[in-house]
């Protein structure tokens, strides 16, 4: 598809070939991940049990040249050689592939009405476990925007997909390649950077923020999840309010009716007349709002806007651009 679209895929091959296999295996505990051959990277082999199944995933480097037997018998022989055990048996192979590791990033994520997502947009070594999470976030980011355009949002909203997600992939490729080189030297240490909790879109078009905002948290950042009290004083967490495909608008010291309700927007307010309570100060500590602030959270759990009540008109325009037109009623 990239060739058809004339989208370049620059990068480099990393000089390592590997196998990945989903297989039915006996002889290993399913309570743990297993890795053999730590002393020699070229002979390593790792096995991860798939929860809820009888399968393991096998990964390991293989020679750059020549064919490799990916059937059950061939993989059992490889396992015996590398693990030094003959009690591990591969009974059947559900899926298997041999591939050469590369680190590449598409020049563009959009050509007309065609969008590149996941491995079509970026490939990299598996070190750090970044690929699946990054690809799912690609899909969710594009998904809610496609839905919004179908419901009437301007088509220009779709341009923000590449604007937001391509820099994330570029950073992830650099991290995966760095971890890969460290692993070759025997360093398997991982830090906070692999958790993907600091990913954000602070410089992107969809990040709307009041000019005098000075708190640590900014529009475009991942929305924190402090504990709060909700209806009837019951304890809950903000993530419980964010779950789903809707947007969430939080008012601090404001009344609910100050922003027009609309389908796809759940409005909650903190304060004596609100439906949420922050008597322990956890929301304030995490979001650092001023009295009269609105915090808008996108369907993907990132902050879209932080504005004052004096800027409700600007907020209303933002919502319309996101495909949330005002209506007489709204599902809360």
Foldseek 3Di string as FASTA:
>chain_A
DCVVLVWDKDWWFDQWKKKKFKFQKPDDDQVDKDWFDLVAQQLIKIWHHDPPDNIIIIMGTDDPDDDADPFQVRVLVSCCVGRVDNRMGTDGTPDMDMGTFIWIAIPDQDDPPHGQAAVSGTGGDCQLVQRVVLRVVLCLQQVLQVVLVVLPADPCSNVQSCVQNRVVSVVVRVVRVVCVVCVNVVDNDDDPVSVCQFRWNQPTPLFAEDPPDDDPDGAGHFQDWFWWAFAPRHIDIVVVVLPDQAKEKEAEQDDQPLAFAFERYHYFYEDPRTGIYCVVCRNCVRPVADHQWMWMAHSVRGTRYIDGSVCSVVVQVSCVNSNTHGDNDYDD
